[in-house]
Amino acid sequence: MNLSLIGKNALVGGSSAGIGRAVAIELAALGANVTVLARTEKTLQETLVLLDITLGQRHNYLAVDYTRHDDLLSAVRSLNHPVHILVNNSGGPPGGPITEADPAAFLAAFQQHLVANQLLALEVFSGMKDAGFGRIINVISTSVKEPLDNLGVSNTTRWAVAGWAKTWANEAGKFGITVNNVLPGYTLTGRLDEIVEKRAAASGQTPEAVAEMFKSHVPARRFAEPAEVAAAIAFLASPAAAYINGVNLPVDGGRTKGL
């Protein structure tokens, strides 16, 4: 099985922590040159220290906010190499029921996720075509299979990204470019901590009790490590996954009940 990413350049969003950082580490371990992208320079520098360089890679970082589109494009255009692997990963919208959601929250979420994804995909598209190799992988949510309670804006936005990705997959496949979505379940990140804390505050339970309740919904009876989600993303980025295109891949320990 060919998992080597030697000579490939990757751009990984949200890579200062959590799943994004784990993805950067995994892609570097497979030989890719990795550019880590997030808002905070300090944590990006901390991520760089963790990346493998034993295969002669060169890694760098871009400190920029996904919501500042002009700055985002300028930063990516400053790279002096094509991007072969784009991992779109950005923090989810704030939680809350859709019946209380301000319309402005939808616009903000679409700008941060769907519009930013489109801008980045367009920017790297020609380099992928020239190479005859491209991987666009979007980290979204199992909510595209089953909407999640109290995540009204997120559910809506993630569905939009899933539809966007499938359309890209249909149009870009002939160039050797695949576009897939990875759907993490409960994963040990700051986002999960936030959801647990909010659920505990609303229900009067302890965070520990809420966490155990969440785990009871997962056949594996535990939360995922970020590295476990990253492993799935790294496989999709590899040459071995060249014929996997346009799929939604849950990495959720079996929690999603639908196929």
C-alpha atoms as a PDB file:
ATOM      1  CA  MET A   1       0.000   0.000   0.000  1.00  0.00           C
ATOM      2  CA  ASN A   2       1.460   3.352  -1.032  1.00  0.00           C
ATOM      3  CA  LEU A   3       1.036   5.817   1.806  1.00  0.00           C
ATOM      4  CA  SER A   4       4.102   7.909   1.003  1.00  0.00           C
ATOM      5  CA  LEU A   5       3.629  11.669   0.784  1.00  0.00           C
ATOM      6  CA  ILE A   6       7.268  12.447   0.074  1.00  0.00           C
ATOM      7  CA  GLY A   7       7.441  15.425  -2.273  1.00  0.00           C
ATOM      8  CA  LYS A   8       3.862  16.468  -1.569  1.00  0.00           C
ATOM      9  CA  ASN A   9       2.970  19.827  -0.025  1.00  0.00           C
ATOM     10  CA  ALA A  10       0.109  20.016   2.469  1.00  0.00           C
ATOM     11  CA  LEU A  11      -1.829  22.970   3.869  1.00  0.00           C
ATOM     12  CA  VAL A  12      -3.649  22.112   7.098  1.00  0.00           C
ATOM     13  CA  GLY A  13      -6.223  24.452   8.615  1.00  0.00           C
ATOM     14  CA  GLY A  14      -6.871  24.768  12.316  1.00  0.00           C
ATOM     15  CA  SER A  15      -3.551  23.086  13.015  1.00  0.00           C
ATOM     16  CA  SER A  16      -2.549  24.896  16.181  1.00  0.00           C
ATOM     17  CA  ALA A  17      -4.364  22.297  18.321  1.00  0.00           C
ATOM     18  CA  GLY A  18      -6.725  19.329  18.345  1.00  0.00           C
ATOM     19  CA  ILE A  19      -7.523  17.437  15.167  1.00  0.00           C
ATOM     20  CA  GLY A  20      -5.711  19.911  12.920  1.00  0.00           C
ATOM     21  CA  ARG A  21      -2.454  19.581  14.853  1.00  0.00           C
ATOM     22  CA  ALA A  22      -2.773  15.795  14.831  1.00  0.00           C
ATOM     23  CA  VAL A  23      -3.303  15.857  11.049  1.00  0.00           C
ATOM     24  CA  ALA A  24      -0.187  17.980  10.535  1.00  0.00           C
ATOM     25  CA  ILE A  25       1.847  15.511  12.605  1.00  0.00           C
ATOM     26  CA  GLU A  26       0.518  12.507  10.691  1.00  0.00           C
ATOM     27  CA  LEU A  27       1.073  14.018   7.231  1.00  0.00           C
ATOM     28  CA  ALA A  28       4.618  14.975   8.178  1.00  0.00           C
ATOM     29  CA  ALA A  29       5.231  11.419   9.394  1.00  0.00           C
ATOM     30  CA  LEU A  30       4.277  10.198   5.908  1.00  0.00           C
ATOM     31  CA  GLY A  31       6.785  12.569   4.312  1.00  0.00           C
ATOM     32  CA  ALA A  32       4.772  15.639   3.349  1.00  0.00           C
ATOM     33  CA  ASN A  33       6.002  19.204   3.590  1.00  0.00           C
ATOM     34  CA  VAL A  34       3.383  20.767   5.866  1.00  0.00           C
ATOM     35  CA  THR A  35       2.179  24.353   6.156  1.00  0.00           C
ATOM     36  CA  VAL A  36       0.167  24.780   9.319  1.00  0.00           C
ATOM     37  CA  LEU A  37      -2.543  27.426   9.292  1.00  0.00           C
ATOM     38  CA  ALA A  38      -4.432  29.021  12.182  1.00  0.00           C
ATOM     39  CA  ARG A  39      -4.856  32.369  13.917  1.00  0.00           C
ATOM     40  CA  THR A  40      -2.311  32.139  16.719  1.00  0.00           C
ATOM     41  CA  GLU A  41       1.370  32.343  15.833  1.00  0.00           C
ATOM     42  CA  LYS A  42       2.634  30.997  19.143  1.00  0.00           C
ATOM     43  CA  THR A  43       0.676  27.758  19.001  1.00  0.00           C
ATOM     44  CA  LEU A  44       1.543  27.291  15.337  1.00  0.00           C
ATOM     45  CA  GLN A  45       5.207  27.528  16.229  1.00  0.00           C
ATOM     46  CA  GLU A  46       4.612  24.921  18.919  1.00  0.00           C
ATOM     47  CA  THR A  47       3.047  22.659  16.303  1.00  0.00           C
ATOM     48  CA  LEU A  48       6.036  23.017  13.981  1.00  0.00           C
ATOM     49  CA  VAL A  49       8.327  21.642  16.687  1.00  0.00           C
ATOM     50  CA  LEU A  50       6.279  18.430  16.690  1.00  0.00           C
ATOM     51  CA  LEU A  51       6.545  17.740  12.955  1.00  0.00           C
ATOM     52  CA  ASP A  52       8.825  15.033  11.597  1.00  0.00           C
ATOM     53  CA  ILE A  53      11.709  16.204   9.387  1.00  0.00           C
ATOM     54  CA  THR A  54      13.546  12.902   9.054  1.00  0.00           C
ATOM     55  CA  LEU A  55      12.545  12.579   5.392  1.00  0.00           C
ATOM     56  CA  GLY A  56      14.048  15.954   4.516  1.00  0.00           C
ATOM     57  CA  GLN A  57      10.838  17.944   4.746  1.00  0.00           C
ATOM     58  CA  ARG A  58      10.510  21.661   5.172  1.00  0.00           C
ATOM     59  CA  HIS A  59       7.557  22.894   7.215  1.00  0.00           C
ATOM     60  CA  ASN A  60       6.239  26.396   7.822  1.00  0.00           C
ATOM     61  CA  TYR A  61       3.217  28.231   9.181  1.00  0.00           C
ATOM     62  CA  LEU A  62       0.690  30.894   8.219  1.00  0.00           C
ATOM     63  CA  ALA A  63      -0.905  32.852  11.061  1.00  0.00           C
ATOM     64  CA  VAL A  64      -4.192  34.107   9.643  1.00  0.00           C
ATOM     65  CA  ASP A  65      -7.907  34.048  10.457  1.00  0.00           C
ATOM     66  CA  TYR A  66     -10.258  32.051   8.201  1.00  0.00           C
ATOM     67  CA  THR A  67     -12.828  34.847   8.454  1.00  0.00           C
ATOM     68  CA  ARG A  68     -10.442  37.457   6.987  1.00  0.00           C
ATOM     69  CA  HIS A  69     -10.636  36.305   3.405  1.00  0.00           C
ATOM     70  CA  ASP A  70      -8.268  38.830   1.832  1.00  0.00           C
ATOM     71  CA  ASP A  71      -5.612  38.063   4.428  1.00  0.00           C
ATOM     72  CA  LEU A  72      -6.208  34.322   3.998  1.00  0.00           C
ATOM     73  CA  LEU A  73      -5.663  34.459   0.242  1.00  0.00           C
ATOM     74  CA  SER A  74      -2.625  36.710   0.562  1.00  0.00           C
ATOM     75  CA  ALA A  75      -1.056  34.295   3.031  1.00  0.00           C
ATOM     76  CA  VAL A  76      -1.620  31.254   0.820  1.00  0.00           C
ATOM     77  CA  ARG A  77      -0.352  33.107  -2.240  1.00  0.00           C
ATOM     78  CA  SER A  78       2.865  33.861  -0.359  1.00  0.00           C
ATOM     79  CA  LEU A  79       3.776  30.160  -0.468  1.00  0.00           C
ATOM     80  CA  ASN A  80       6.405  29.480  -3.096  1.00  0.00           C
ATOM     81  CA  HIS A  81       5.137  26.032  -3.953  1.00  0.00           C
ATOM     82  CA  PRO A  82       1.923  24.343  -5.127  1.00  0.00           C
ATOM     83  CA  VAL A  83      -0.387  22.742  -2.569  1.00  0.00           C
ATOM     84  CA  HIS A  84      -1.196  19.085  -3.261  1.00  0.00           C
ATOM     85  CA  ILE A  85      -3.162  18.376  -0.065  1.00  0.00           C
ATOM     86  CA  LEU A  86      -5.644  20.849   1.405  1.00  0.00           C
ATOM     87  CA  VAL A  87      -7.235  20.030   4.741  1.00  0.00           C
ATOM     88  CA  ASN A  88     -10.084  22.424   5.477  1.00  0.00           C
ATOM     89  CA  ASN A  89     -10.562  22.492   9.217  1.00  0.00           C
ATOM     90  CA  SER A  90     -11.985  25.388  11.207  1.00  0.00           C
ATOM     91  CA  GLY A  91     -13.685  25.693  14.577  1.00  0.00           C
ATOM     92  CA  GLY A  92     -17.396  25.005  14.630  1.00  0.00           C
ATOM     93  CA  PRO A  93     -20.047  27.698  15.116  1.00  0.00           C
ATOM     94  CA  PRO A  94     -21.314  28.332  18.657  1.00  0.00           C
ATOM     95  CA  GLY A  95     -23.950  25.905  19.877  1.00  0.00           C
ATOM     96  CA  GLY A  96     -27.608  26.572  20.530  1.00  0.00           C
ATOM     97  CA  PRO A  97     -31.057  25.610  19.215  1.00  0.00           C
ATOM     98  CA  ILE A  98     -31.966  26.726  15.729  1.00  0.00           C
ATOM     99  CA  THR A  99     -35.175  28.278  17.055  1.00  0.00           C
ATOM    100  CA  GLU A 100     -33.051  30.877  18.836  1.00  0.00           C
ATOM    101  CA  ALA A 101     -30.386  31.395  16.171  1.00  0.00           C
ATOM    102  CA  ASP A 102     -29.793  34.897  14.850  1.00  0.00           C
ATOM    103  CA  PRO A 103     -29.686  34.957  11.021  1.00  0.00           C
ATOM    104  CA  ALA A 104     -26.355  36.742  11.271  1.00  0.00           C
ATOM    105  CA  ALA A 105     -24.898  33.631  12.887  1.00  0.00           C
ATOM    106  CA  PHE A 106     -25.615  31.651   9.722  1.00  0.00           C
ATOM    107  CA  LEU A 107     -23.902  34.250   7.555  1.00  0.00           C
ATOM    108  CA  ALA A 108     -20.852  34.263   9.815  1.00  0.00           C
ATOM    109  CA  ALA A 109     -20.638  30.471   9.773  1.00  0.00           C
ATOM    110  CA  PHE A 110     -20.977  30.298   6.005  1.00  0.00           C
ATOM    111  CA  GLN A 111     -18.206  32.870   5.607  1.00  0.00           C
ATOM    112  CA  GLN A 112     -15.867  30.958   7.926  1.00  0.00           C
ATOM    113  CA  HIS A 113     -16.530  27.522   6.491  1.00  0.00           C
ATOM    114  CA  LEU A 114     -18.133  27.338   3.067  1.00  0.00           C
ATOM    115  CA  VAL A 115     -16.783  30.559   1.565  1.00  0.00           C
ATOM    116  CA  ALA A 116     -13.285  30.139   3.018  1.00  0.00           C
ATOM    117  CA  ASN A 117     -13.185  26.550   1.753  1.00  0.00           C
ATOM    118  CA  GLN A 118     -14.146  27.699  -1.732  1.00  0.00           C
ATOM    119  CA  LEU A 119     -11.521  30.432  -1.780  1.00  0.00           C
ATOM    120  CA  LEU A 120      -8.795  28.018  -0.705  1.00  0.00           C
ATOM    121  CA  ALA A 121      -9.889  25.284  -3.100  1.00  0.00           C
ATOM    122  CA  LEU A 122      -9.867  27.699  -6.027  1.00  0.00           C
ATOM    123  CA  GLU A 123      -6.441  28.961  -5.025  1.00  0.00           C
ATOM    124  CA  VAL A 124      -4.810  25.500  -4.968  1.00  0.00           C
ATOM    125  CA  PHE A 125      -6.785  23.963  -7.846  1.00  0.00           C
ATOM    126  CA  SER A 126      -4.415  24.808 -10.693  1.00  0.00           C
ATOM    127  CA  GLY A 127      -1.381  23.437  -8.847  1.00  0.00           C
ATOM    128  CA  MET A 128      -3.207  20.180  -8.201  1.00  0.00           C
ATOM    129  CA  LYS A 129      -4.232  19.930 -11.848  1.00  0.00           C
ATOM    130  CA  ASP A 130      -0.672  20.550 -13.028  1.00  0.00           C
ATOM    131  CA  ALA A 131       0.599  17.805 -10.700  1.00  0.00           C
ATOM    132  CA  GLY A 132      -2.165  15.363 -11.643  1.00  0.00           C
ATOM    133  CA  PHE A 133      -2.574  14.813  -7.907  1.00  0.00           C
ATOM    134  CA  GLY A 134      -4.802  16.597  -5.423  1.00  0.00           C
ATOM    135  CA  ARG A 135      -6.532  15.898  -2.157  1.00  0.00           C
ATOM    136  CA  ILE A 136      -9.109  18.215  -0.607  1.00  0.00           C
ATOM    137  CA  ILE A 137     -10.287  16.871   2.729  1.00  0.00           C
ATOM    138  CA  ASN A 138     -12.855  18.704   4.816  1.00  0.00           C
ATOM    139  CA  VAL A 139     -13.207  18.092   8.528  1.00  0.00           C
ATOM    140  CA  ILE A 140     -16.897  18.576   9.217  1.00  0.00           C
ATOM    141  CA  SER A 141     -19.271  16.622  11.474  1.00  0.00           C
ATOM    142  CA  THR A 142     -21.450  13.547  11.826  1.00  0.00           C
ATOM    143  CA  SER A 143     -24.327  16.033  11.748  1.00  0.00           C
ATOM    144  CA  VAL A 144     -24.371  15.595   7.955  1.00  0.00           C
ATOM    145  CA  LYS A 145     -25.653  12.080   8.692  1.00  0.00           C
ATOM    146  CA  GLU A 146     -27.783  12.903  11.756  1.00  0.00           C
ATOM    147  CA  PRO A 147     -28.356  16.502  12.905  1.00  0.00           C
ATOM    148  CA  LEU A 148     -27.088  17.007  16.439  1.00  0.00           C
ATOM    149  CA  ASP A 149     -29.175  18.569  19.199  1.00  0.00           C
ATOM    150  CA  ASN A 150     -28.477  22.202  20.099  1.00  0.00           C
ATOM    151  CA  LEU A 151     -26.158  22.756  17.138  1.00  0.00           C
ATOM    152  CA  GLY A 152     -28.598  24.407  14.759  1.00  0.00           C
ATOM    153  CA  VAL A 153     -26.200  26.732  12.951  1.00  0.00           C
ATOM    154  CA  SER A 154     -23.481  24.098  12.802  1.00  0.00           C
ATOM    155  CA  ASN A 155     -25.839  21.423  11.429  1.00  0.00           C
ATOM    156  CA  THR A 156     -26.932  23.752   8.653  1.00  0.00           C
ATOM    157  CA  THR A 157     -23.446  24.897   7.724  1.00  0.00           C
ATOM    158  CA  ARG A 158     -21.936  21.413   7.756  1.00  0.00           C
ATOM    159  CA  TRP A 159     -24.619  20.163   5.369  1.00  0.00           C
ATOM    160  CA  ALA A 160     -23.771  23.000   2.998  1.00  0.00           C
ATOM    161  CA  VAL A 161     -20.087  22.094   3.086  1.00  0.00           C
ATOM    162  CA  ALA A 162     -20.905  18.433   2.419  1.00  0.00           C
ATOM    163  CA  GLY A 163     -22.927  19.360  -0.666  1.00  0.00           C
ATOM    164  CA  TRP A 164     -20.187  21.727  -1.821  1.00  0.00           C
ATOM    165  CA  ALA A 165     -17.567  18.993  -1.445  1.00  0.00           C
ATOM    166  CA  LYS A 166     -19.589  16.422  -3.385  1.00  0.00           C
ATOM    167  CA  THR A 167     -19.962  18.874  -6.244  1.00  0.00           C
ATOM    168  CA  TRP A 168     -16.212  19.550  -6.247  1.00  0.00           C
ATOM    169  CA  ALA A 169     -15.562  15.802  -6.251  1.00  0.00           C
ATOM    170  CA  ASN A 170     -17.748  15.366  -9.318  1.00  0.00           C
ATOM    171  CA  GLU A 171     -16.014  18.130 -11.243  1.00  0.00           C
ATOM    172  CA  ALA A 172     -12.383  17.694 -10.161  1.00  0.00           C
ATOM    173  CA  GLY A 173     -12.066  13.914 -10.239  1.00  0.00           C
ATOM    174  CA  LYS A 174     -10.951  13.823 -13.862  1.00  0.00           C
ATOM    175  CA  PHE A 175      -7.808  15.742 -12.910  1.00  0.00           C
ATOM    176  CA  GLY A 176      -6.634  13.190 -10.333  1.00  0.00           C
ATOM    177  CA  ILE A 177      -8.103  15.282  -7.514  1.00  0.00           C
ATOM    178  CA  THR A 178     -10.268  13.728  -4.808  1.00  0.00           C
ATOM    179  CA  VAL A 179     -12.536  15.630  -2.447  1.00  0.00           C
ATOM    180  CA  ASN A 180     -13.785  13.907   0.690  1.00  0.00           C
ATOM    181  CA  ASN A 181     -15.267  14.763   4.062  1.00  0.00           C
ATOM    182  CA  VAL A 182     -14.215  13.300   7.390  1.00  0.00           C
ATOM    183  CA  LEU A 183     -16.883  13.368  10.087  1.00  0.00           C
ATOM    184  CA  PRO A 184     -15.414  13.195  13.578  1.00  0.00           C
ATOM    185  CA  GLY A 185     -17.576  11.983  16.407  1.00  0.00           C
ATOM    186  CA  TYR A 186     -16.854  12.823  20.038  1.00  0.00           C
ATOM    187  CA  THR A 187     -13.147  13.673  19.972  1.00  0.00           C
ATOM    188  CA  LEU A 188     -10.962  14.889  22.822  1.00  0.00           C
ATOM    189  CA  THR A 189     -10.627  18.522  21.750  1.00  0.00           C
ATOM    190  CA  GLY A 190     -11.507  21.934  23.114  1.00  0.00           C
ATOM    191  CA  ARG A 191     -14.700  21.841  21.056  1.00  0.00           C
ATOM    192  CA  LEU A 192     -15.900  18.746  22.926  1.00  0.00           C
ATOM    193  CA  ASP A 193     -15.020  20.352  26.261  1.00  0.00           C
ATOM    194  CA  GLU A 194     -17.157  23.360  25.298  1.00  0.00           C
ATOM    195  CA  ILE A 195     -20.135  21.179  24.345  1.00  0.00           C
ATOM    196  CA  VAL A 196     -19.877  19.147  27.548  1.00  0.00           C
ATOM    197  CA  GLU A 197     -19.648  22.262  29.720  1.00  0.00           C
ATOM    198  CA  LYS A 198     -22.671  23.869  28.056  1.00  0.00           C
ATOM    199  CA  ARG A 199     -24.742  20.700  28.331  1.00  0.00           C
ATOM    200  CA  ALA A 200     -23.786  20.385  32.009  1.00  0.00           C
ATOM    201  CA  ALA A 201     -24.728  23.996  32.731  1.00  0.00           C
ATOM    202  CA  ALA A 202     -28.085  23.607  30.982  1.00  0.00           C
ATOM    203  CA  SER A 203     -28.968  20.297  32.628  1.00  0.00           C
ATOM    204  CA  GLY A 204     -27.592  20.829  36.111  1.00  0.00           C
ATOM    205  CA  GLN A 205     -25.394  17.747  35.770  1.00  0.00           C
ATOM    206  CA  THR A 206     -21.677  17.607  36.346  1.00  0.00           C
ATOM    207  CA  PRO A 207     -19.414  17.688  33.273  1.00  0.00           C
ATOM    208  CA  GLU A 208     -18.239  14.199  34.224  1.00  0.00           C
ATOM    209  CA  ALA A 209     -21.808  12.892  34.169  1.00  0.00           C
ATOM    210  CA  VAL A 210     -22.453  14.491  30.787  1.00  0.00           C
ATOM    211  CA  ALA A 211     -19.241  12.998  29.391  1.00  0.00           C
ATOM    212  CA  GLU A 212     -20.258   9.535  30.572  1.00  0.00           C
ATOM    213  CA  MET A 213     -23.686   9.977  29.029  1.00  0.00           C
ATOM    214  CA  PHE A 214     -22.091  10.921  25.689  1.00  0.00           C
ATOM    215  CA  LYS A 215     -19.826   7.874  25.853  1.00  0.00           C
ATOM    216  CA  SER A 216     -22.827   5.627  26.471  1.00  0.00           C
ATOM    217  CA  HIS A 217     -24.088   6.585  22.982  1.00  0.00           C
ATOM    218  CA  VAL A 218     -20.888   5.299  21.356  1.00  0.00           C
ATOM    219  CA  PRO A 219     -20.510   1.554  20.781  1.00  0.00           C
ATOM    220  CA  ALA A 220     -16.780   1.931  21.510  1.00  0.00           C
ATOM    221  CA  ARG A 221     -17.766   3.511  24.879  1.00  0.00           C
ATOM    222  CA  ARG A 222     -15.018   6.126  24.705  1.00  0.00           C
ATOM    223  CA  PHE A 223     -14.042   9.367  23.030  1.00  0.00           C
ATOM    224  CA  ALA A 224     -11.635   9.452  20.093  1.00  0.00           C
ATOM    225  CA  GLU A 225      -8.094  10.708  20.301  1.00  0.00           C
ATOM    226  CA  PRO A 226      -7.349  13.417  17.699  1.00  0.00           C
ATOM    227  CA  ALA A 227      -4.681  11.118  16.238  1.00  0.00           C
ATOM    228  CA  GLU A 228      -7.360   8.548  15.367  1.00  0.00           C
ATOM    229  CA  VAL A 229      -9.221  11.072  13.237  1.00  0.00           C
ATOM    230  CA  ALA A 230      -5.926  12.245  11.761  1.00  0.00           C
ATOM    231  CA  ALA A 231      -5.071   8.704  10.666  1.00  0.00           C
ATOM    232  CA  ALA A 232      -8.227   8.557   8.517  1.00  0.00           C
ATOM    233  CA  ILE A 233      -7.439  11.938   6.990  1.00  0.00           C
ATOM    234  CA  ALA A 234      -3.849  10.930   6.248  1.00  0.00           C
ATOM    235  CA  PHE A 235      -5.047   7.792   4.466  1.00  0.00           C
ATOM    236  CA  LEU A 236      -7.421   9.821   2.300  1.00  0.00           C
ATOM    237  CA  ALA A 237      -4.502  12.133   1.485  1.00  0.00           C
ATOM    238  CA  SER A 238      -2.311   9.252   0.332  1.00  0.00           C
ATOM    239  CA  PRO A 239      -1.855   7.722  -3.119  1.00  0.00           C
ATOM    240  CA  ALA A 240      -3.530   4.569  -1.786  1.00  0.00           C
ATOM    241  CA  ALA A 241      -6.868   6.414  -1.580  1.00  0.00           C
ATOM    242  CA  ALA A 242      -6.866   7.626  -5.184  1.00  0.00           C
ATOM    243  CA  TYR A 243     -10.198   5.962  -6.003  1.00  0.00           C
ATOM    244  CA  ILE A 244     -12.063   7.185  -2.923  1.00  0.00           C
ATOM    245  CA  ASN A 245     -13.861  10.340  -3.936  1.00  0.00           C
ATOM    246  CA  GLY A 246     -16.915  12.270  -2.798  1.00  0.00           C
ATOM    247  CA  VAL A 247     -17.561  10.353   0.430  1.00  0.00           C
ATOM    248  CA  ASN A 248     -18.576  11.310   3.958  1.00  0.00           C
ATOM    249  CA  LEU A 249     -16.445   9.177   6.291  1.00  0.00           C
ATOM    250  CA  PRO A 250     -17.588   9.038   9.930  1.00  0.00           C
ATOM    251  CA  VAL A 251     -14.806   8.491  12.459  1.00  0.00           C
ATOM    252  CA  ASP A 252     -17.078   8.187  15.451  1.00  0.00           C
ATOM    253  CA  GLY A 253     -16.656   4.802  17.095  1.00  0.00           C
ATOM    254  CA  GLY A 254     -19.933   3.674  15.542  1.00  0.00           C
ATOM    255  CA  ARG A 255     -22.122   6.371  17.114  1.00  0.00           C
ATOM    256  CA  THR A 256     -23.894   7.341  13.891  1.00  0.00           C
ATOM    257  CA  LYS A 257     -26.822   4.976  13.509  1.00  0.00           C
ATOM    258  CA  GLY A 258     -27.429   5.479   9.799  1.00  0.00           C
ATOM    259  CA  LEU A 259     -25.237   4.054   7.037  1.00  0.00           C
END
